[in-house]
Protein backbone atom coordinates (compact mmCIF):
# COMPACT_ATOMS: atom_id res chain seq x y z
CA UNK A 1 -23.11 -30.75 -2.08
CA UNK A 2 -22.38 -32.88 0.98
CA UNK A 3 -26.08 -32.93 1.89
CA UNK A 4 -27.00 -33.96 -1.67
CA UNK A 5 -24.60 -36.88 -1.64
CA UNK A 6 -25.94 -38.04 1.74
CA UNK A 7 -29.53 -38.00 0.51
CA UNK A 8 -28.52 -39.87 -2.64
CA UNK A 9 -26.81 -42.72 -0.78
CA UNK A 10 -29.60 -42.93 1.78
CA UNK A 11 -32.20 -43.16 -1.00
CA UNK A 12 -30.10 -45.79 -2.80
CA UNK A 13 -29.85 -47.87 0.37
CA UNK A 14 -33.61 -47.76 0.97
CA UNK A 15 -34.21 -48.72 -2.66
CA UNK A 16 -31.97 -51.75 -2.30
CA UNK A 17 -33.79 -52.77 0.90
CA UNK A 18 -37.17 -52.49 -0.82
CA UNK A 19 -35.86 -54.50 -3.73
CA UNK A 20 -34.75 -57.36 -1.49
CA UNK A 21 -38.06 -57.33 0.43
CA UNK A 22 -40.49 -56.86 -2.50
CA UNK A 23 -39.26 -58.13 -5.85
CA UNK A 24 -40.72 -56.20 -8.73
CA UNK A 25 -42.77 -57.48 -11.64
CA UNK A 26 -41.10 -59.83 -14.02
CA UNK A 27 -38.87 -61.29 -11.29
CA UNK A 28 -40.56 -63.15 -8.42
CA UNK A 29 -44.24 -62.21 -8.91
CA UNK A 30 -46.42 -62.75 -11.91
CA UNK A 31 -47.33 -59.75 -13.95
CA UNK A 32 -49.39 -59.06 -17.01
CA UNK A 33 -48.13 -61.24 -19.80
CA UNK A 34 -45.51 -62.76 -17.60
CA UNK A 35 -47.14 -65.10 -15.04
CA UNK A 36 -49.12 -67.17 -17.64
CA UNK A 37 -47.25 -70.02 -19.13
CA UNK A 38 -46.81 -69.83 -22.83
CA UNK A 39 -44.85 -71.41 -25.48
CA UNK A 40 -41.33 -71.53 -24.34
CA UNK A 41 -42.23 -69.63 -21.15
CA UNK A 42 -44.06 -71.73 -18.57
CA UNK A 43 -41.83 -74.77 -18.72
CA UNK A 44 -38.65 -74.53 -16.88
CA UNK A 45 -35.65 -75.14 -18.93
CA UNK A 46 -32.10 -74.17 -19.11
CA UNK A 47 -31.86 -70.41 -18.89
CA UNK A 48 -35.64 -70.06 -18.30
CA UNK A 49 -36.40 -70.74 -14.61
CA UNK A 50 -34.08 -68.01 -13.37
CA UNK A 51 -33.22 -64.74 -15.07
CA UNK A 52 -29.85 -64.94 -16.70
CA UNK A 53 -27.03 -62.44 -16.29
CA UNK A 54 -28.05 -60.63 -19.46
CA UNK A 55 -31.63 -60.19 -18.20
CA UNK A 56 -30.39 -58.93 -14.84
CA UNK A 57 -28.23 -56.34 -16.56
CA UNK A 58 -31.13 -55.24 -18.76
CA UNK A 59 -33.33 -55.00 -15.63
CA UNK A 60 -30.78 -52.78 -13.97
CA UNK A 61 -30.67 -50.55 -17.03
CA UNK A 62 -34.45 -50.29 -17.08
CA UNK A 63 -34.65 -49.19 -13.44
CA UNK A 64 -34.41 -45.43 -12.96
CA UNK A 65 -31.66 -44.18 -10.72
CA UNK A 66 -32.77 -42.21 -7.65
CA UNK A 67 -32.73 -38.43 -8.01
CA UNK A 68 -29.64 -36.83 -6.50
CA UNK A 69 -30.56 -34.72 -3.55
CA UNK A 70 -34.16 -36.01 -3.54
CA UNK A 71 -35.69 -36.29 -0.08
CA UNK A 72 -35.77 -39.77 1.38
CA UNK A 73 -39.01 -41.58 2.13
CA UNK A 74 -40.46 -41.23 5.60
CA UNK A 75 -42.04 -44.30 7.14
CA UNK A 76 -41.52 -46.30 3.94
CA UNK A 77 -43.97 -44.16 1.90
CA UNK A 78 -42.61 -42.54 -1.26
CA UNK A 79 -43.61 -39.08 -2.37
CA UNK A 80 -45.74 -38.88 -5.47
CA UNK A 81 -44.27 -37.69 -8.73
CA UNK A 82 -46.52 -34.62 -8.73
CA UNK A 83 -45.18 -33.52 -5.34
CA UNK A 84 -41.60 -33.91 -6.51
CA UNK A 85 -42.36 -32.02 -9.74
CA UNK A 86 -43.98 -29.19 -7.78
CA UNK A 87 -40.99 -28.97 -5.45
CA UNK A 88 -38.55 -28.85 -8.38
CA UNK A 89 -40.57 -26.06 -9.98
CA UNK A 90 -40.50 -24.04 -6.75
CA UNK A 91 -36.72 -24.49 -6.42
CA UNK A 92 -36.01 -23.44 -10.01
CA UNK A 93 -38.32 -20.44 -9.77
CA UNK A 94 -36.66 -19.24 -6.53
CA UNK A 95 -33.22 -19.24 -8.19
CA UNK A 96 -34.40 -17.28 -11.22
CA UNK A 97 -33.24 -13.63 -11.44
CA UNK A 98 -36.21 -11.64 -12.72
CA UNK A 99 -34.20 -8.38 -12.86
CA UNK A 100 -31.79 -9.70 -15.45
CA UNK A 101 -34.74 -10.89 -17.56
CA UNK A 102 -35.84 -7.29 -18.06
CA UNK A 103 -34.96 -5.64 -21.36
CA UNK A 104 -31.79 -3.57 -21.46
CA UNK A 105 -33.74 -0.42 -22.27
CA UNK A 106 -35.76 -0.69 -19.04
CA UNK A 107 -32.65 -1.42 -16.96
CA UNK A 108 -30.83 1.59 -18.44
CA UNK A 109 -33.86 3.74 -17.67
CA UNK A 110 -33.75 2.56 -14.03
CA UNK A 111 -29.98 3.17 -13.78
CA UNK A 112 -30.35 6.68 -15.21
CA UNK A 113 -31.87 7.82 -11.89
CA UNK A 114 -28.63 7.00 -10.02
CA UNK A 115 -25.77 9.42 -9.41
CA UNK A 116 -22.20 8.81 -10.56
CA UNK A 117 -20.88 7.15 -7.35
CA UNK A 118 -23.86 4.76 -7.31
CA UNK A 119 -23.32 3.88 -10.97
CA UNK A 120 -19.68 3.15 -10.29
CA UNK A 121 -20.55 0.84 -7.38
CA UNK A 122 -23.32 -1.02 -9.25
CA UNK A 123 -20.93 -1.72 -12.12
CA UNK A 124 -19.13 -4.16 -9.79
CA UNK A 125 -22.23 -6.33 -9.27
CA UNK A 126 -22.13 -8.38 -12.49
CA UNK A 127 -21.00 -8.28 -16.11
CA UNK A 128 -24.47 -7.21 -17.20
CA UNK A 129 -24.56 -4.22 -14.84
CA UNK A 130 -20.97 -3.35 -15.71
CA UNK A 131 -21.95 -3.09 -19.38
CA UNK A 132 -25.19 -1.23 -18.76
CA UNK A 133 -23.73 1.21 -16.23
CA UNK A 134 -21.10 2.29 -18.80
CA UNK A 135 -23.69 3.43 -21.33
CA UNK A 136 -22.29 6.48 -23.14
CA UNK A 137 -25.63 8.24 -23.57
CA UNK A 138 -26.27 8.10 -19.83
CA UNK A 139 -22.76 9.32 -18.90
CA UNK A 140 -22.93 12.05 -21.53
CA UNK A 141 -25.99 13.47 -19.78
CA UNK A 142 -24.27 13.23 -16.38
CA UNK A 143 -21.16 14.93 -17.77
CA UNK A 144 -23.09 17.84 -19.30
CA UNK A 145 -25.31 18.24 -16.23
CA UNK A 146 -22.35 18.51 -13.85
CA UNK A 147 -19.72 20.34 -15.88
CA UNK A 148 -21.51 21.93 -18.83
CA UNK A 149 -19.09 24.06 -20.82
CA UNK A 150 -16.61 24.45 -17.99
CA UNK A 151 -14.50 21.49 -19.00
CA UNK A 152 -11.13 20.71 -17.48
CA UNK A 153 -8.72 19.50 -20.17
CA UNK A 154 -5.70 17.36 -19.30
CA UNK A 155 -2.38 18.66 -20.50
CA UNK A 156 -1.80 17.86 -24.16
CA UNK A 157 -5.49 17.34 -24.99
CA UNK A 158 -7.32 19.25 -27.70
CA UNK A 159 -11.01 19.85 -28.38
CA UNK A 160 -11.19 16.80 -30.62
CA UNK A 161 -10.45 14.59 -27.61
CA UNK A 162 -13.73 15.65 -26.00
CA UNK A 163 -15.83 14.53 -28.95
CA UNK A 164 -17.20 11.05 -29.37
CA UNK A 165 -16.13 9.18 -32.47
CA UNK A 166 -19.30 8.03 -34.32
CA UNK A 167 -17.60 4.74 -35.18
CA UNK A 168 -16.61 4.13 -31.58
CA UNK A 169 -18.36 1.34 -29.70
CA UNK A 170 -20.72 2.87 -27.10
CA UNK A 171 -19.80 0.10 -24.67
CA UNK A 172 -16.26 1.46 -24.55
CA UNK A 173 -17.39 3.98 -21.91
CA UNK A 174 -15.80 7.09 -23.45
CA UNK A 175 -17.86 9.61 -21.47
CA UNK A 176 -17.52 7.62 -18.28
CA UNK A 177 -13.72 7.73 -18.52
CA UNK A 178 -13.81 11.41 -19.44
CA UNK A 179 -16.06 12.18 -16.47
CA UNK A 180 -13.73 10.61 -13.92
CA UNK A 181 -10.68 12.22 -15.56
CA UNK A 182 -12.36 15.60 -15.31
CA UNK A 183 -13.31 15.04 -11.65
CA UNK A 184 -9.76 13.94 -10.80
CA UNK A 185 -8.28 16.85 -12.75
CA UNK A 186 -10.40 19.46 -11.01
CA UNK A 187 -9.57 18.00 -7.61
CA UNK A 188 -5.86 17.88 -8.42
CA UNK A 189 -5.97 21.48 -9.64
CA UNK A 190 -7.53 22.52 -6.34
CA UNK A 191 -4.92 21.03 -4.02
CA UNK A 192 -2.08 21.88 -6.37
CA UNK A 193 -3.10 25.53 -6.18
CA UNK A 194 -2.80 25.28 -2.42
CA UNK A 195 0.72 23.83 -2.80
CA UNK A 196 1.98 26.72 -4.95
CA UNK A 197 2.74 28.86 -1.92
CA UNK A 198 6.45 28.06 -1.42
CA UNK A 199 8.38 28.86 1.74
CA UNK A 200 11.56 30.80 0.99
CA UNK A 201 13.15 29.23 4.04
CA UNK A 202 12.67 25.55 3.17
CA UNK A 203 11.92 25.72 -0.56
CA UNK A 204 8.88 23.48 0.03
CA UNK A 205 5.11 24.20 -0.05
CA UNK A 206 3.96 25.86 3.16
CA UNK A 207 0.65 24.02 3.45
CA UNK A 208 1.64 20.40 2.83
CA UNK A 209 0.38 19.26 6.21
CA UNK A 210 -2.92 21.14 5.84
CA UNK A 211 -3.52 19.66 2.36
CA UNK A 212 -2.85 16.13 3.58
CA UNK A 213 -5.22 16.56 6.50
CA UNK A 214 -7.95 18.22 4.40
CA UNK A 215 -7.81 15.35 1.89
CA UNK A 216 -8.08 12.86 4.78
CA UNK A 217 -4.80 11.15 3.85
CA UNK A 218 -3.34 8.58 6.20
CA UNK A 219 -0.63 5.94 5.85
CA UNK A 220 -1.11 2.19 6.00
CA UNK A 221 1.57 -0.38 6.77
CA UNK A 222 1.44 -3.89 5.28
CA UNK A 223 3.76 -6.43 6.92
CA UNK A 224 4.15 -9.83 5.27
CA UNK A 225 5.76 -12.81 7.00
CA UNK A 226 7.69 -15.72 5.52
CA UNK A 227 4.51 -17.81 5.14
CA UNK A 228 2.84 -15.17 2.99
CA UNK A 229 0.44 -13.90 5.67
CA UNK A 230 -0.23 -10.17 5.45
CA UNK A 231 -1.02 -7.83 8.32
CA UNK A 232 -2.41 -4.38 7.46
CA UNK A 233 -2.23 -1.67 10.11
CA UNK A 234 -3.45 1.90 10.21
CA UNK A 235 -1.16 4.58 11.57
CA UNK A 236 -1.10 5.20 15.32
CA UNK A 237 0.51 8.67 15.31
CA UNK A 238 1.98 11.20 12.89
CA UNK A 239 4.49 13.96 13.72
CA UNK A 240 4.97 16.83 11.23
CA UNK A 241 8.00 19.09 11.00
CA UNK A 242 9.04 21.86 8.60
CA UNK A 243 10.38 19.47 5.97
CA UNK A 244 9.48 15.95 7.11
CA UNK A 245 6.90 13.73 8.81
CA UNK A 246 7.35 10.73 11.09
CA UNK A 247 4.62 8.06 10.97
CA UNK A 248 4.33 5.47 13.76
CA UNK A 249 2.52 2.13 14.07
CA UNK A 250 2.20 0.53 17.49
CA UNK A 251 -1.37 -0.82 17.62
CA UNK A 252 -1.58 -4.42 16.49
CA UNK A 253 0.27 -7.71 16.62
CA UNK A 254 3.40 -7.71 14.47
CA UNK A 255 5.17 -10.84 13.23
CA UNK A 256 8.47 -11.61 14.90
CA UNK A 257 11.28 -9.53 13.45
CA UNK A 258 13.16 -12.44 11.86
CA UNK A 259 9.88 -13.69 10.32
CA UNK A 260 9.20 -10.47 8.37
CA UNK A 261 9.76 -10.91 4.63
CA UNK A 262 8.69 -7.50 3.29
CA UNK A 263 7.14 -4.20 4.38
CA UNK A 264 4.94 -1.98 2.23
CA UNK A 265 3.91 1.61 2.90
CA UNK A 266 0.76 2.96 1.22
CA UNK A 267 -0.81 6.37 1.26
CA UNK A 268 -4.54 5.93 1.83
CA UNK A 269 -7.21 8.50 1.17
CA UNK A 270 -10.44 7.69 2.99
CA UNK A 271 -13.77 9.34 2.49
CA UNK A 272 -15.31 11.03 5.57
CA UNK A 273 -17.39 8.64 7.63
CA UNK A 274 -21.11 8.86 7.05
CA UNK A 275 -24.10 7.16 5.42
CA UNK A 276 -23.40 8.86 2.09
CA UNK A 277 -19.95 7.27 1.71
CA UNK A 278 -19.88 4.80 -1.15
CA UNK A 279 -16.40 4.84 -2.63
CA UNK A 280 -13.62 2.60 -1.27
CA UNK A 281 -10.34 4.09 -0.05
CA UNK A 282 -7.59 4.59 -2.65
CA UNK A 283 -4.17 3.12 -1.83
CA UNK A 284 -0.97 4.52 -3.33
CA UNK A 285 2.29 2.61 -2.87
CA UNK A 286 5.10 4.79 -1.47
CA UNK A 287 7.78 2.34 -0.30
CA UNK A 288 8.31 -1.40 -0.59
CA UNK A 289 11.08 -3.00 1.42
CA UNK A 290 12.28 -6.56 0.83
CA UNK A 291 14.06 -7.91 3.90
CA UNK A 292 16.11 -10.32 1.78
CA UNK A 293 17.84 -7.50 -0.09
CA UNK A 294 17.58 -4.72 2.56
CA UNK A 295 18.86 -6.20 5.78
CA UNK A 296 18.63 -3.98 8.84
CA UNK A 297 21.46 -2.95 11.13
CA UNK A 298 21.64 -2.11 14.81
CA UNK A 299 20.81 1.52 15.42
CA UNK A 300 20.42 2.14 19.17
CA UNK A 301 19.03 0.76 22.41
CA UNK A 302 17.88 1.48 25.91
CA UNK A 303 16.90 -0.77 28.83
CA UNK A 304 13.69 -1.96 27.17
CA UNK A 305 14.13 -1.99 23.40
CA UNK A 306 16.73 -2.03 20.66
CA UNK A 307 16.31 -0.18 17.38
CA UNK A 308 16.95 -1.59 13.92
CA UNK A 309 17.34 0.71 10.91
CA UNK A 310 15.88 -0.54 7.62
CA UNK A 311 16.94 1.84 4.80
CA UNK A 312 15.67 4.13 3.46
CA UNK A 313 13.75 5.36 6.50
CA UNK A 314 12.20 2.58 8.61
CA UNK A 315 12.97 2.15 12.31
CA UNK A 316 11.84 -1.10 13.98
CA UNK A 317 11.71 -1.28 17.78
CA UNK A 318 12.28 -4.78 19.19
CA UNK A 319 11.86 -5.79 22.82
CA UNK A 320 15.25 -6.65 24.27
CA UNK A 321 15.85 -10.33 24.97
CA UNK A 322 13.30 -11.42 22.35
CA UNK A 323 12.36 -10.87 18.71
CA UNK A 324 8.89 -9.41 19.24
CA UNK A 325 8.30 -6.09 17.47
CA UNK A 326 7.09 -3.24 19.71
CA UNK A 327 6.58 -0.55 17.04
CA UNK A 328 7.57 0.54 13.53
CA UNK A 329 8.35 4.13 12.47
CA UNK A 330 9.17 5.68 9.10
CA UNK A 331 10.54 9.12 8.27
CA UNK A 332 9.20 10.79 5.09
CA UNK A 333 10.37 13.99 3.44
CA UNK A 334 7.57 16.42 2.59
CA UNK A 335 8.83 16.99 -0.97
CA UNK A 336 6.11 15.55 -3.30
CA UNK A 337 4.59 13.67 -0.35
CA UNK A 338 1.06 14.62 -1.43
CA UNK A 339 1.66 13.27 -4.94
CA UNK A 340 3.29 10.11 -3.60
CA UNK A 341 0.37 9.49 -1.24
CA UNK A 342 -2.36 10.07 -3.85
CA UNK A 343 -1.16 9.56 -7.42
CA UNK A 344 0.56 6.20 -7.19
CA UNK A 345 -1.19 2.88 -7.77
CA UNK A 346 -1.64 0.09 -5.18
CA UNK A 347 1.34 -1.75 -6.73
CA UNK A 348 3.46 1.01 -8.30
CA UNK A 349 4.85 4.20 -6.68
CA UNK A 350 4.37 7.67 -8.11
CA UNK A 351 7.19 8.70 -10.45
CA UNK A 352 8.07 12.37 -10.74
CA UNK A 353 8.28 13.66 -14.32
CA UNK A 354 11.71 14.81 -15.49
CA UNK A 355 12.19 18.56 -15.34
CA UNK A 356 15.56 19.58 -16.71
CA UNK A 357 16.94 23.03 -15.99
CA UNK A 358 18.09 25.15 -18.95
CA UNK A 359 21.73 24.94 -19.89
CA UNK A 360 23.80 28.07 -19.39
CA UNK A 361 26.95 27.86 -21.51
CA UNK A 362 28.14 31.33 -20.50
CA UNK A 363 29.09 30.16 -17.00
CA UNK A 364 31.68 27.35 -16.92
CA UNK A 365 30.84 26.70 -13.25
CA UNK A 366 27.12 26.29 -13.98
CA UNK A 367 25.69 23.59 -11.75
CA UNK A 368 28.39 23.95 -9.09
CA UNK A 369 27.32 27.10 -7.26
CA UNK A 370 24.21 28.86 -5.97
CA UNK A 371 23.00 25.96 -3.81
CA UNK A 372 20.90 26.50 -0.66
CA UNK A 373 20.60 24.00 2.18
CA UNK A 374 17.85 23.70 4.77
CA UNK A 375 19.09 21.32 7.46
CA UNK A 376 17.27 19.90 10.53
CA UNK A 377 18.21 17.40 13.23
CA UNK A 378 15.12 16.25 15.13
CA UNK A 379 13.36 13.33 16.76
CA UNK A 380 9.70 12.39 17.17
CA UNK A 381 9.05 15.24 19.57
CA UNK A 382 11.25 18.27 18.93
CA UNK A 383 13.98 19.86 16.84
CA UNK A 384 17.54 19.40 18.02
CA UNK A 385 19.18 21.75 15.53
CA UNK A 386 18.12 23.60 12.37
CA UNK A 387 19.91 25.89 9.94
CA UNK A 388 19.54 27.68 6.62
CA UNK A 389 22.71 27.99 4.53
CA UNK A 390 22.94 29.95 1.27
CA UNK A 391 25.44 30.42 -1.57
CA UNK A 392 27.04 27.00 -1.35
CA UNK A 393 29.47 26.28 -4.18
CA UNK A 394 32.22 24.01 -5.41
CA UNK A 395 34.99 24.57 -7.94
CA UNK A 396 35.76 22.06 -10.63
CA UNK A 397 39.16 21.39 -9.07
CA UNK A 398 37.39 20.26 -5.87
CA UNK A 399 35.54 17.45 -7.64
CA UNK A 400 37.16 14.25 -6.42
CA UNK A 401 36.27 10.62 -7.09
CA UNK A 402 32.99 11.56 -8.72
CA UNK A 403 31.66 13.71 -5.84
CA UNK A 404 30.89 17.41 -5.70
CA UNK A 405 31.81 18.79 -2.26
CA UNK A 406 29.66 21.51 -0.69
CA UNK A 407 31.26 22.70 2.55
CA UNK A 408 28.47 24.08 4.74
CA UNK A 409 30.23 24.47 8.12
CA UNK A 410 34.01 24.62 8.18
CA UNK A 411 35.96 23.17 11.06
CA UNK A 412 38.43 26.09 11.03
CA UNK A 413 35.78 28.84 11.00
CA UNK A 414 34.60 29.14 14.62
CA UNK A 415 31.90 31.64 13.71
CA UNK A 416 30.04 28.95 11.79
CA UNK A 417 29.94 26.43 14.64
CA UNK A 418 26.53 25.79 16.15
CA UNK A 419 25.33 24.35 19.40
CA UNK A 420 22.60 21.73 19.54
CA UNK A 421 19.60 23.09 21.41
CA UNK A 422 18.70 19.73 22.88
CA UNK A 423 20.17 16.37 23.65
CA UNK A 424 20.39 13.69 20.95
CA UNK A 425 17.45 11.45 21.84
CA UNK A 426 14.85 9.24 20.15
CA UNK A 427 11.59 9.05 22.12
CA UNK A 428 9.44 5.99 21.36
CA UNK A 429 5.99 4.74 22.30
CA UNK A 430 4.41 1.30 22.03
CA UNK A 431 0.94 0.03 22.85
CA UNK A 432 1.55 -0.15 26.58
CA UNK A 433 4.90 1.52 27.30
CA UNK A 434 7.06 4.44 26.23
CA UNK A 435 10.67 5.46 26.64
CA UNK A 436 13.59 7.27 25.03
CA UNK A 437 16.91 6.22 23.52
CA UNK A 438 19.12 9.07 24.70
CA UNK A 439 22.66 10.21 25.36
CA UNK A 440 23.89 9.45 28.89
CA UNK A 441 27.61 10.12 28.67
CA UNK A 442 29.09 10.08 32.17
CA UNK A 443 25.68 10.15 33.87
CA UNK A 444 25.39 6.44 34.68
CA UNK A 445 28.22 4.62 36.51
CA UNK A 446 27.18 1.33 34.93
CA UNK A 447 27.85 2.65 31.43
CA UNK A 448 30.95 3.93 29.75
CA UNK A 449 31.27 6.15 26.70
CA UNK A 450 32.07 3.27 24.37
CA UNK A 451 28.98 1.28 25.35
CA UNK A 452 26.50 4.14 25.51
CA UNK A 453 27.41 6.12 22.43
CA UNK A 454 26.05 3.66 19.84
CA UNK A 455 22.67 4.15 21.51
CA UNK A 456 22.39 7.81 20.43
CA UNK A 457 20.33 8.47 17.33
CA UNK A 458 17.93 10.97 15.76
CA UNK A 459 16.50 11.98 12.37
CA UNK A 460 18.25 14.12 9.76
CA UNK A 461 16.06 15.99 7.26
CA UNK A 462 17.74 18.08 4.59
CA UNK A 463 16.57 19.93 1.51
CA UNK A 464 19.23 20.99 -1.00
CA UNK A 465 17.98 23.61 -3.50
CA UNK A 466 19.66 24.47 -6.80
CA UNK A 467 20.43 28.00 -7.98
CA UNK A 468 16.82 28.58 -9.10
CA UNK A 469 15.56 27.44 -5.68
CA UNK A 470 14.11 24.12 -6.81
CA UNK A 471 14.62 20.96 -4.73
CA UNK A 472 17.74 19.16 -5.91
CA UNK A 473 18.23 16.53 -3.17
CA UNK A 474 15.68 15.80 -0.43
CA UNK A 475 16.12 13.17 2.24
CA UNK A 476 14.81 12.33 5.70
CA UNK A 477 16.42 9.37 7.41
CA UNK A 478 17.58 8.08 10.80
CA UNK A 479 21.17 8.84 11.74
CA UNK A 480 23.29 7.86 14.73
CA UNK A 481 26.29 9.16 16.65
CA UNK A 482 29.60 7.30 16.80
CA UNK A 483 32.73 8.12 18.75
CA UNK A 484 35.86 9.21 16.91
CA UNK A 485 38.77 7.29 18.38
CA UNK A 486 41.42 9.68 17.07
CA UNK A 487 40.19 13.22 17.63
CA UNK A 488 41.26 15.72 14.92
CA UNK A 489 43.10 18.85 15.94
CA UNK A 490 40.66 21.60 16.93
CA UNK A 491 40.09 24.33 19.45
CA UNK A 492 37.85 22.07 21.57
CA UNK A 493 39.13 19.77 24.29
CA UNK A 494 36.02 17.62 24.61
CA UNK A 495 35.22 14.21 23.17
CA UNK A 496 34.71 14.16 19.38
CA UNK A 497 31.96 12.31 17.55
CA UNK A 498 30.76 11.79 13.99
CA UNK A 499 27.34 11.52 12.34
CA UNK A 500 27.41 10.17 8.79
CA UNK A 501 24.70 9.36 6.26
CA UNK A 502 24.95 8.06 2.71
CA UNK A 503 22.58 6.92 -0.04
CA UNK A 504 22.97 6.73 -3.85
CA UNK A 505 22.00 10.41 -4.22
CA UNK A 506 24.41 11.97 -1.74
CA UNK A 507 26.39 11.94 1.50
CA UNK A 508 26.30 13.90 4.75
CA UNK A 509 29.31 14.10 7.07
CA UNK A 510 29.14 15.88 10.43
CA UNK A 511 31.65 16.34 13.21
CA UNK A 512 30.53 17.13 16.77
CA UNK A 513 32.25 17.78 20.07
CA UNK A 514 30.81 17.10 23.52
CA UNK A 515 31.44 19.92 25.99
CA UNK A 516 31.31 18.28 29.38
CA UNK A 517 30.91 21.49 31.41
CA UNK A 518 27.99 22.79 29.33
CA UNK A 519 26.63 19.24 28.79
CA UNK A 520 25.82 19.85 25.17
CA UNK A 521 27.03 19.10 21.65
CA UNK A 522 28.61 21.56 19.22
CA UNK A 523 28.43 21.02 15.45
CA UNK A 524 31.86 22.00 14.17
CA UNK A 525 31.78 20.57 10.63
CA UNK A 526 29.09 19.85 8.04
CA UNK A 527 29.86 18.74 4.47
CA UNK A 528 27.42 17.67 1.75
CA UNK A 529 28.60 15.46 -1.11
CA UNK A 530 26.59 15.17 -4.33
CA UNK A 531 27.47 12.67 -7.09
CA UNK A 532 28.68 14.23 -10.34
CA UNK A 533 26.32 12.14 -12.46
CA UNK A 534 23.37 13.67 -10.58
CA UNK A 535 24.63 17.19 -11.32
CA UNK A 536 25.20 16.37 -14.99
CA UNK A 537 21.75 14.83 -15.31
CA UNK A 538 19.99 17.75 -13.60
CA UNK A 539 21.81 20.57 -15.42
CA UNK A 540 22.61 18.76 -18.70
CA UNK A 541 26.33 19.32 -18.17
CA UNK A 542 29.42 17.16 -18.60
CA UNK A 543 31.64 17.60 -15.55
């Protein structure tokens, strides 16, 4: 449009110059019927010798305005009208879309040679192709050719749902929708069959990691700053454990920590790379964190970085002495991770359907016994401690302040105490450097216990199963060690520490003791607290 305006003003200027140099007929030079004097014409008189204002205005109205965007004259010679007409015809013919001028029947015949992915992609070209590529007759043939009589039916559907209503508008795309529902249903049935093999040790599907890798699922992080700029990053590394996965992002330029407004985590399924790939990647929202309502808190540090914990499971590594972000990690529990990564929408997370257990009125303690706990302390590289605890229970008299107490390891029962196989550390890795936030009690003369201990942190992943061995509470989150100033009475003479975690669905309280001679931790107490309203909702009880 800028070029058109320039040509217009240049043409107007040249027209004004020609007008001042060569006055047109009826003004300064005689013309037919104008130069000969006649009655009332040849003699000068008032209002006759010079054109009046009214005549000048009429002359301006009679002159044609220059064509916008018309090419200017070269060397003072104007193009002929035939040349301009020919050029306009060429321009209009070049912009004409001959494909859309074809009849709809011919276009549908051409589209009928395409496969289903190509039809889906061409429907995004224009409104015309979107309407034609949804033709029910065409999709009915594709549906029958691919599935035939072996039709997958969604739950709750009957045979009448597979038939086309004669009064239904063919442009509604009934068979197109049914085709994609059938494809999605068959694919879901396939990977759900693979997830039916449950581990008796963890209560979770054995092949969650294999299914995620076979479906080419990865996780994408979207970081938005205060100005509304978004930065999307693909995962750098993923660490899988028996009941959780840790995803890391360290490749890319992050906004400064105090400039981050929100963080979004999406599960992304990408098609294998190749020339036959046509479909875009599907993004399923898993977590969305608003920094205004979920402020982070200090979690640990070493000589290079400090860690900030953003509940529920994000860890942000910041270079010490500045606010630049080195990496971001998130801990995810494997329970329903496949569904969360695939079945959510780009803006809405996957919601698990309610599955209430049957009520057993014969047992007054129903819902308070028969629990099983699978418990792991780990970091990004190895397990620090793991345990499997069965037959956990609680009596109604032990319910206090709305919490059900499940005592897993008792402080007074020495046979239940467990040693931690490794030190409490949190290895990290950025684009150019790596390190570890670890326990250094008494090993560095420049540090004391009070200054070093807040640096110790790891990941806790627990799976609490109900009496029918179904997941009741699943969580994977960072947790840190704090020193207990007043050590409780026990059979250990070392320093005592605590590791606590809490969210709306439960609490974890651990007590540890540091044995200086062995240079290792002992877990001497582990208690799980579950809110009463969660028990009542799950078992349909009224405790």
